[in-house]
Protein backbone atom coordinates (compact mmCIF):
# COMPACT_ATOMS: atom_id res chain seq x y z
CA MET A 1 -53.06 10.71 -8.03
CA LYS A 2 -55.69 12.95 -9.51
CA SER A 3 -56.11 14.40 -13.00
CA LEU A 4 -57.46 17.83 -14.27
CA LEU A 5 -60.09 15.95 -16.08
CA LEU A 6 -61.75 14.87 -13.43
CA VAL A 7 -60.72 27.35 20.97
CA GLY A 8 -61.02 30.28 22.25
CA ALA A 9 -59.15 32.22 24.75
CA PHE A 10 -57.27 29.08 25.94
CA VAL A 11 -55.84 28.37 22.49
CA ALA A 12 -54.79 32.07 22.33
CA ALA A 13 -53.02 31.64 25.60
CA VAL A 14 -50.89 28.72 24.50
CA ALA A 15 -50.51 29.70 20.71
CA VAL A 16 -47.47 31.82 21.57
CA THR A 17 -45.14 28.75 21.94
CA GLY A 18 -47.41 26.12 20.47
CA ALA A 19 -47.05 23.93 23.58
CA ALA A 20 -49.67 22.62 25.97
CA PRO A 21 -49.27 23.40 29.58
CA ALA A 22 -46.69 21.26 31.33
CA GLY A 23 -48.06 17.86 32.48
CA THR A 24 -51.20 18.12 30.42
CA PRO A 25 -52.24 14.54 29.62
CA SER A 26 -53.20 13.58 26.09
CA THR A 27 -56.62 12.16 25.46
CA ALA A 28 -55.55 10.32 22.28
CA GLU A 29 -55.56 6.58 22.07
CA PRO A 30 -52.24 4.59 21.65
CA LEU A 31 -51.11 4.04 18.00
CA GLU A 32 -52.48 1.06 16.23
CA PRO A 33 -50.45 -2.23 16.93
CA ASP A 34 -50.23 -2.86 13.12
CA ILE A 35 -47.93 0.07 12.71
CA ARG A 36 -44.71 -1.65 12.58
CA GLN A 37 -42.24 1.13 11.22
CA LEU A 38 -41.78 4.58 13.09
CA ILE A 39 -39.91 7.41 12.02
CA LEU A 40 -39.29 9.59 15.11
CA SER A 41 -38.00 13.07 14.98
CA ILE A 42 -37.30 15.18 18.16
CA ALA A 43 -36.81 18.91 18.18
CA PRO A 44 -35.36 20.70 21.23
CA ALA A 45 -38.19 23.15 21.17
CA TRP A 46 -41.10 24.56 19.21
CA SER A 47 -38.94 27.22 17.76
CA SER A 48 -36.16 24.84 16.69
CA SER A 49 -35.20 24.52 12.98
CA GLN A 50 -32.88 21.59 13.70
CA GLY A 51 -33.32 18.14 15.39
CA THR A 52 -32.72 14.48 15.06
CA LEU A 53 -34.36 11.53 13.45
CA GLN A 54 -34.46 7.80 14.47
CA ARG A 55 -36.02 4.88 12.75
CA PHE A 56 -37.69 2.28 14.74
CA GLU A 57 -39.41 -1.27 14.17
CA ARG A 58 -41.92 -2.82 16.27
CA GLY A 59 -40.88 -6.30 17.48
CA ALA A 60 -43.17 -9.32 17.91
CA GLY A 61 -43.79 -8.35 21.59
CA GLY A 62 -44.81 -4.85 20.70
CA GLN A 63 -41.54 -3.14 21.75
CA TRP A 64 -39.93 -0.44 19.54
CA MET A 65 -36.44 -1.38 18.52
CA LYS A 66 -34.04 1.13 16.85
CA VAL A 67 -32.85 0.71 13.31
CA GLY A 68 -29.59 2.45 12.23
CA ASP A 69 -28.23 5.58 13.68
CA SER A 70 -29.92 8.84 14.78
CA VAL A 71 -29.33 11.41 11.94
CA PRO A 72 -29.57 15.24 12.01
CA VAL A 73 -32.57 16.85 10.20
CA LEU A 74 -33.76 20.40 9.49
CA TYR A 75 -37.32 21.78 9.98
CA GLY A 76 -39.02 25.08 8.94
CA LYS A 77 -37.14 28.33 9.43
CA HIS A 78 -39.69 29.28 12.07
CA GLY A 79 -39.80 26.05 13.80
CA LEU A 80 -42.87 23.80 14.36
CA ALA A 81 -46.75 24.03 14.78
CA TRP A 82 -49.33 21.35 15.32
CA GLY A 83 -50.17 19.74 11.98
CA ARG A 84 -53.34 17.82 10.79
CA GLY A 85 -52.39 14.04 10.97
CA VAL A 86 -53.51 10.99 12.90
CA ARG A 87 -52.32 12.60 16.07
CA GLY A 88 -51.60 16.12 17.28
CA SER A 89 -54.49 17.96 15.82
CA GLU A 90 -56.36 17.40 19.10
CA GLU A 91 -53.75 19.27 21.11
CA PRO A 92 -53.92 22.82 22.10
CA GLY A 93 -51.39 25.31 20.65
CA LEU A 94 -50.31 26.94 17.49
CA ARG A 95 -51.63 25.56 14.18
CA LYS A 96 -49.63 25.05 10.90
CA ARG A 97 -50.76 27.53 8.21
CA GLU A 98 -49.69 27.99 4.65
CA GLY A 99 -46.63 30.08 4.27
CA ASP A 100 -45.80 30.30 8.00
CA GLY A 101 -42.36 28.62 7.62
CA ARG A 102 -43.24 25.96 10.22
CA THR A 103 -43.00 22.34 9.98
CA PRO A 104 -46.18 20.30 11.16
CA ALA A 105 -45.77 18.51 14.31
CA GLY A 106 -47.67 15.38 15.40
CA ALA A 107 -48.09 11.99 13.88
CA PHE A 108 -48.50 11.33 10.14
CA THR A 109 -48.97 8.49 7.81
CA LEU A 110 -46.79 8.47 4.59
CA GLY A 111 -48.10 8.56 1.09
CA VAL A 112 -46.14 8.12 -2.19
CA ILE A 113 -42.49 8.59 -2.88
CA TYR A 114 -42.05 10.99 -5.75
CA GLY A 115 -38.77 10.80 -7.60
CA ASN A 116 -36.86 12.39 -10.52
CA ASP A 117 -35.37 9.09 -11.28
CA SER A 118 -37.17 6.35 -13.38
CA HIS A 119 -37.13 3.96 -10.30
CA LEU A 120 -36.37 3.90 -6.52
CA PRO A 121 -32.76 2.90 -5.13
CA ASP A 122 -32.07 -0.98 -5.28
CA GLY A 123 -33.78 -2.58 -2.30
CA ALA A 124 -36.62 -0.14 -2.01
CA ASP A 125 -40.21 -1.34 -2.15
CA PHE A 126 -42.73 1.39 -1.67
CA PRO A 127 -45.34 3.16 -3.75
CA PHE A 128 -43.46 5.29 -6.30
CA HIS A 129 -44.34 7.82 -8.96
CA GLN A 130 -41.71 9.28 -11.35
CA VAL A 131 -42.06 12.96 -11.52
CA THR A 132 -42.53 14.23 -15.10
CA ALA A 133 -42.96 17.56 -16.96
CA VAL A 134 -46.77 17.30 -16.37
CA ASP A 135 -46.74 16.81 -12.55
CA ALA A 136 -47.72 19.54 -10.08
CA TRP A 137 -48.50 19.99 -6.34
CA PRO A 138 -50.57 23.31 -5.94
CA ASP A 139 -49.82 25.20 -2.76
CA ASP A 140 -52.39 28.03 -3.44
CA PRO A 141 -55.33 27.47 -0.95
CA LYS A 142 -57.67 28.86 -3.78
CA ASN A 143 -56.51 26.32 -6.30
CA PRO A 144 -59.24 23.38 -6.35
CA PHE A 145 -56.40 20.90 -6.23
CA TYR A 146 -54.60 22.44 -3.16
CA ASN A 147 -52.28 20.04 -1.63
CA GLN A 148 -52.68 17.25 -4.09
CA HIS A 149 -50.77 15.64 -6.66
CA VAL A 150 -51.93 16.61 -10.17
CA THR A 151 -51.15 15.71 -13.66
CA VAL A 152 -52.03 18.31 -16.28
CA ASP A 153 -52.67 18.12 -20.07
CA ALA A 154 -49.33 18.91 -21.50
CA ALA A 155 -50.89 20.41 -24.68
CA ASN A 156 -53.18 22.82 -22.68
CA PRO A 157 -51.66 23.29 -19.03
CA PRO A 158 -53.48 25.68 -16.74
CA ALA A 159 -52.17 29.22 -16.04
CA TRP A 160 -51.06 28.17 -12.46
CA PHE A 161 -49.11 25.23 -13.63
CA ALA A 162 -45.65 26.98 -14.24
CA ALA A 163 -45.49 27.97 -10.49
CA GLN A 164 -46.79 24.73 -9.09
CA ARG A 165 -44.92 22.26 -11.16
CA MET A 166 -42.95 19.42 -9.34
CA ARG A 167 -40.22 18.90 -12.02
CA THR A 168 -37.87 21.75 -11.41
CA GLY A 169 -34.31 20.38 -11.80
CA ASP A 170 -33.73 20.90 -8.06
CA PRO A 171 -31.35 18.14 -6.90
CA ALA A 172 -32.87 18.33 -3.35
CA TYR A 173 -36.10 16.72 -4.89
CA ARG A 174 -34.33 13.66 -6.27
CA TRP A 175 -36.77 11.89 -3.80
CA ARG A 176 -39.79 13.37 -1.94
CA VAL A 177 -41.38 11.09 0.56
CA GLU A 178 -45.02 12.34 1.04
CA ILE A 179 -45.83 13.28 4.73
CA ARG A 180 -49.65 13.16 4.85
CA HIS A 181 -50.27 16.36 6.62
CA ASN A 182 -53.56 18.12 5.97
CA ALA A 183 -54.61 15.22 3.70
CA ASP A 184 -57.73 13.57 5.18
CA PRO A 185 -59.67 15.85 4.69
CA ILE A 186 -57.93 18.89 3.05
CA GLU A 187 -58.38 22.14 4.72
CA PRO A 188 -57.46 25.11 2.47
CA GLY A 189 -54.71 27.20 4.03
CA ALA A 190 -53.79 24.59 6.70
CA GLY A 191 -50.39 23.82 4.91
CA SER A 192 -49.43 21.85 1.78
CA ALA A 193 -46.61 19.92 -0.05
CA THR A 194 -45.00 18.42 3.20
CA PHE A 195 -42.15 15.99 2.35
CA PHE A 196 -38.99 14.39 3.52
CA HIS A 197 -36.34 15.54 1.04
CA ILE A 198 -32.58 16.01 0.70
CA ARG A 199 -31.27 19.15 2.43
CA ARG A 200 -29.74 21.96 0.64
CA GLY A 201 -27.15 22.56 3.29
CA GLU A 202 -26.18 21.42 6.80
CA ALA A 203 -27.85 24.25 8.58
CA ARG A 204 -30.33 25.64 5.88
CA PRO A 205 -33.79 25.45 7.26
CA THR A 206 -36.93 24.75 5.06
CA SER A 207 -40.30 26.07 4.33
CA GLY A 208 -42.09 23.40 6.22
CA CYS A 209 -40.54 20.09 5.12
CA THR A 210 -38.11 17.78 6.99
CA THR A 211 -34.81 17.44 5.17
CA MET A 212 -31.72 15.38 5.87
CA ALA A 213 -28.35 14.52 4.10
CA GLU A 214 -28.79 12.41 0.88
CA PRO A 215 -27.41 9.05 2.33
CA ALA A 216 -29.80 9.36 5.27
CA LEU A 217 -32.80 9.85 2.94
CA ARG A 218 -31.66 6.92 0.80
CA ASP A 219 -31.49 4.73 3.77
CA LEU A 220 -34.99 5.76 4.79
CA VAL A 221 -36.40 5.29 1.19
CA VAL A 222 -34.92 1.74 0.85
CA TRP A 223 -36.19 0.78 4.45
CA LEU A 224 -39.87 1.89 4.03
CA ARG A 225 -42.34 -0.79 3.51
CA ALA A 226 -46.15 -0.08 2.92
CA ALA A 227 -47.09 -3.27 4.65
CA ALA A 228 -45.59 -2.00 7.81
CA LYS A 229 -47.75 1.07 7.81
CA PRO A 230 -44.95 3.61 8.53
CA LEU A 231 -45.75 6.56 10.57
CA TYR A 232 -43.73 9.81 11.10
CA VAL A 233 -43.80 11.42 14.50
CA LEU A 234 -42.24 14.91 15.16
CA LEU A 235 -42.53 16.47 18.58
CA PRO A 236 -40.50 18.96 20.56
CA ARG A 237 -38.68 17.26 23.46
CA ASP A 238 -41.06 18.41 26.25
CA ASP A 239 -44.17 17.33 24.41
CA TYR A 240 -42.54 14.09 23.47
CA THR A 241 -42.03 13.47 27.27
CA ARG A 242 -45.58 14.31 27.93
CA LEU A 243 -47.13 12.22 25.12
CA TRP A 244 -45.03 9.21 24.50
CA LYS A 245 -46.95 6.75 26.87
CA ALA A 246 -50.38 7.87 25.73
CA TRP A 247 -49.49 7.44 21.98
CA GLY A 248 -47.54 4.22 22.54
CA LEU A 249 -44.16 5.46 21.43
CA PRO A 250 -40.60 4.49 22.59
CA PRO A 251 -39.37 5.80 25.92
CA PRO A 252 -37.57 9.18 25.75
CA ASP A 253 -33.90 8.79 24.73
CA PRO A 254 -31.39 11.22 26.35
CA VAL A 255 -29.42 11.07 23.12
CA HIS A 256 -32.26 12.91 21.31
């Protein structure tokens, strides 16, 4: 939390779909073995605004085991684009930009859970911040606090605060799980305010977040443990088939 006190032609060729050429291997190293919780979301294609999400835990032998059932999720209204996380930014293709209506694809760590309630649901144990009337998350690339959680001085809020405040009364934001896209470091204009949150309808896409039914999000919130270093992976099906071995992910599941 921060306070106000305080490449080339090849890329252009693949940017139409966001995908790498079929069969192109990944140069990334496998995920670190101390990552013991995985949130895996598979989209049918780069243009998809709907997909599925499945939770996994890594067993003592290193194998991934499913937790709970697969649930439907919604993405950006214009589909997906490669984001800036721990995996994916090295892949060729379309890049996430502010206001493009696309959800960042790749692999991402999680940050804080921001909630309108005074505490998380019973059984949850994860870094939490109750959203108040002085919390904001600027999505303007020109703002010096772009894509960061900010608390302002209630007696003297900045001019931009009204449009960037987090406490809006929207029930979809009862819990917001921070997906750390474009966070380390922040690139102005590369996308901001990326969260898991409650969906606004069974088929209503987002501006770039990943949303689901409230019971599914509650299960996710209760399950998360910081010590397990949870990771979110979102990929279209074809790219998952291409990348899963290199990234050390579960084998493709025909259910997804």
